[in-house]
Amino acid sequence: MQFRSRVSVLLIFVIIGSFIPIFFLPGQIDEGELPMVIGILGGSLLLILVALFGMRYEIGETQLRIKLGPILFGKLLITEITKVERTYNPLSAPAASLKRLCVKSAKRDFLISPADEKEFIRTLKSRNPNIIVEVSDKDDWYRFWDWDI
């Protein structure tokens, strides 16, 4: 079963906002170089957005596979997963949102952000009923780190 990553609206604003100041540098770019600069910036932005919207988590019969587009980021045996808990840890991870799940095992932990968390956890538990789940949902309008698409 495949689950896409939730994508934070705040993260999209930060990424797009980081590109805006480049267009307001007066006299820094020659007119002949402008198409090349716009092409490089546009390509970079497109690559970042494809990476954000291409994150997915695949639950097979025995493995949880974390993919960034066609690239396998990591995998974990479902029988080794001991706990799934809520986290807002901002560390770099294959998660395009700050509202994350920490999937823990004895060997490794992954921070992920599946869009359909309840179905994701239900599917994991169906394959390994021994997983401890500590996920609480507090959806309030002022929790900007929960603003996802």
Protein backbone atom coordinates (compact mmCIF):
# COMPACT_ATOMS: atom_id res chain seq x y z
CA MET A 1 0.00 0.00 0.00
CA GLN A 2 1.30 3.44 -0.85
CA PHE A 3 0.90 6.69 1.11
CA ARG A 4 1.92 10.14 -0.06
CA SER A 5 3.58 12.61 2.28
CA ARG A 6 1.59 15.50 3.64
CA VAL A 7 3.04 18.81 2.47
CA SER A 8 3.22 21.82 4.76
CA VAL A 9 1.84 25.07 3.36
CA LEU A 10 4.33 26.89 5.57
CA LEU A 11 7.22 24.98 4.00
CA ILE A 12 6.03 25.86 0.49
CA PHE A 13 5.86 29.56 1.44
CA VAL A 14 9.39 29.43 2.87
CA ILE A 15 10.80 27.76 -0.24
CA ILE A 16 9.09 30.10 -2.69
CA GLY A 17 9.89 33.08 -0.47
CA SER A 18 13.58 32.22 -0.53
CA PHE A 19 13.61 32.69 -4.32
CA ILE A 20 11.80 36.06 -4.39
CA PRO A 21 14.68 38.34 -3.23
CA ILE A 22 16.79 37.26 -6.21
CA PHE A 23 14.42 39.08 -8.57
CA PHE A 24 14.81 42.34 -6.68
CA LEU A 25 18.58 42.71 -7.00
CA PRO A 26 18.80 45.90 -9.08
CA GLY A 27 21.58 45.94 -11.64
CA GLN A 28 23.17 42.71 -10.45
CA ILE A 29 22.14 40.65 -13.48
CA ASP A 30 22.87 41.61 -17.09
CA GLU A 31 19.92 41.47 -19.48
CA GLY A 32 21.64 38.78 -21.54
CA GLU A 33 22.05 36.55 -18.49
CA LEU A 34 18.47 36.98 -17.27
CA PRO A 35 16.96 34.03 -19.23
CA MET A 36 19.70 31.73 -17.96
CA VAL A 37 19.21 32.89 -14.35
CA ILE A 38 15.44 32.46 -14.58
CA GLY A 39 15.92 28.99 -16.11
CA ILE A 40 18.26 27.89 -13.34
CA LEU A 41 16.01 29.28 -10.60
CA GLY A 42 12.89 27.84 -12.20
CA GLY A 43 14.54 24.46 -12.62
CA SER A 44 15.72 24.48 -9.01
CA LEU A 45 12.27 25.41 -7.73
CA LEU A 46 10.66 22.74 -9.91
CA LEU A 47 13.11 20.11 -8.63
CA ILE A 48 12.38 21.06 -5.01
CA LEU A 49 8.60 20.96 -5.52
CA VAL A 50 8.79 17.59 -7.33
CA ALA A 51 10.83 16.23 -4.41
CA LEU A 52 8.26 17.54 -1.91
CA PHE A 53 5.26 16.16 -3.74
CA GLY A 54 7.06 12.94 -4.75
CA MET A 55 7.69 11.69 -1.22
CA ARG A 56 5.85 8.50 -0.45
CA TYR A 57 5.81 5.63 1.96
CA GLU A 58 5.12 2.08 0.81
CA ILE A 59 3.96 -0.64 3.16
CA GLY A 60 4.55 -4.09 1.72
CA GLU A 61 3.99 -7.45 3.34
CA THR A 62 7.25 -7.29 5.31
CA GLN A 63 8.82 -3.85 4.75
CA LEU A 64 8.16 -0.16 5.11
CA ARG A 65 9.91 1.59 2.21
CA ILE A 66 10.49 5.34 2.18
CA LYS A 67 10.92 6.87 -1.27
CA LEU A 68 11.80 10.31 -2.58
CA GLY A 69 10.59 10.11 -6.17
CA PRO A 70 12.32 7.09 -7.72
CA ILE A 71 15.04 7.07 -5.05
CA LEU A 72 14.79 4.66 -2.12
CA PHE A 73 15.60 6.68 1.01
CA GLY A 74 15.33 3.84 3.46
CA LYS A 75 13.55 0.66 4.43
CA LEU A 76 12.60 -1.00 7.66
CA LEU A 77 11.24 -4.45 8.43
CA ILE A 78 7.74 -4.08 9.83
CA THR A 79 8.45 -6.80 12.41
CA GLU A 80 11.26 -4.62 13.82
CA ILE A 81 9.03 -1.55 14.36
CA THR A 82 8.38 -1.13 18.07
CA LYS A 83 6.66 2.25 18.32
CA VAL A 84 4.99 5.02 16.31
CA GLU A 85 4.62 8.39 17.99
CA ARG A 86 3.78 12.00 17.14
CA THR A 87 6.63 14.47 16.78
CA TYR A 88 7.14 18.00 15.53
CA ASN A 89 10.91 17.57 15.33
CA PRO A 90 12.28 19.89 12.59
CA LEU A 91 15.31 17.71 11.80
CA SER A 92 15.94 16.93 8.15
CA ALA A 93 13.84 13.94 7.19
CA PRO A 94 11.86 12.48 4.30
CA ALA A 95 8.83 14.41 5.50
CA ALA A 96 7.44 17.54 3.86
CA SER A 97 5.58 18.65 6.97
CA LEU A 98 6.40 19.44 10.58
CA LYS A 99 3.50 17.27 11.74
CA ARG A 100 5.34 13.97 11.69
CA LEU A 101 5.35 10.44 12.92
CA CYS A 102 8.47 8.90 14.41
CA VAL A 103 8.64 5.25 13.41
CA LYS A 104 10.99 3.59 15.88
CA SER A 105 12.84 0.31 15.80
CA ALA A 106 15.82 -1.03 17.74
CA LYS A 107 18.15 -0.24 14.83
CA ARG A 108 16.82 2.99 13.33
CA ASP A 109 14.19 5.71 13.59
CA PHE A 110 12.48 7.49 10.70
CA LEU A 111 10.62 10.80 10.77
CA ILE A 112 7.85 10.65 8.20
CA SER A 113 4.60 12.50 7.48
CA PRO A 114 1.99 10.37 5.73
CA ALA A 115 -1.06 12.35 4.62
CA ASP A 116 -3.48 9.64 5.79
CA GLU A 117 -1.96 8.87 9.19
CA LYS A 118 -4.84 6.78 10.51
CA GLU A 119 -4.84 4.43 7.53
CA PHE A 120 -1.03 4.29 7.60
CA ILE A 121 -1.00 3.26 11.28
CA ARG A 122 -3.89 0.82 10.77
CA THR A 123 -2.00 -0.86 7.91
CA LEU A 124 1.21 -1.08 9.97
CA LYS A 125 -0.69 -2.54 12.94
CA SER A 126 -2.37 -5.12 10.70
CA ARG A 127 1.08 -6.40 9.75
CA ASN A 128 2.59 -6.10 13.25
CA PRO A 129 0.03 -5.89 16.10
CA ASN A 130 2.84 -5.40 18.66
CA ILE A 131 3.55 -1.82 17.54
CA ILE A 132 2.87 0.71 20.31
CA VAL A 133 1.04 3.77 18.95
CA GLU A 134 1.26 7.11 20.76
CA VAL A 135 -0.32 9.57 18.36
CA SER A 136 -2.61 12.32 19.56
CA ASP A 137 -4.28 14.82 17.27
CA LYS A 138 -4.77 18.39 18.36
CA ASP A 139 -6.09 20.21 15.31
CA ASP A 140 -6.50 23.89 16.06
CA TRP A 141 -6.46 26.77 13.58
CA TYR A 142 -3.54 28.53 15.30
CA ARG A 143 -1.16 25.54 15.04
CA PHE A 144 0.57 26.74 11.86
CA TRP A 145 2.82 23.67 11.80
CA ASP A 146 -0.34 21.62 11.11
CA TRP A 147 -1.31 23.59 7.99
CA ASP A 148 -0.88 20.92 5.37
CA ILE A 149 -2.17 19.97 1.95
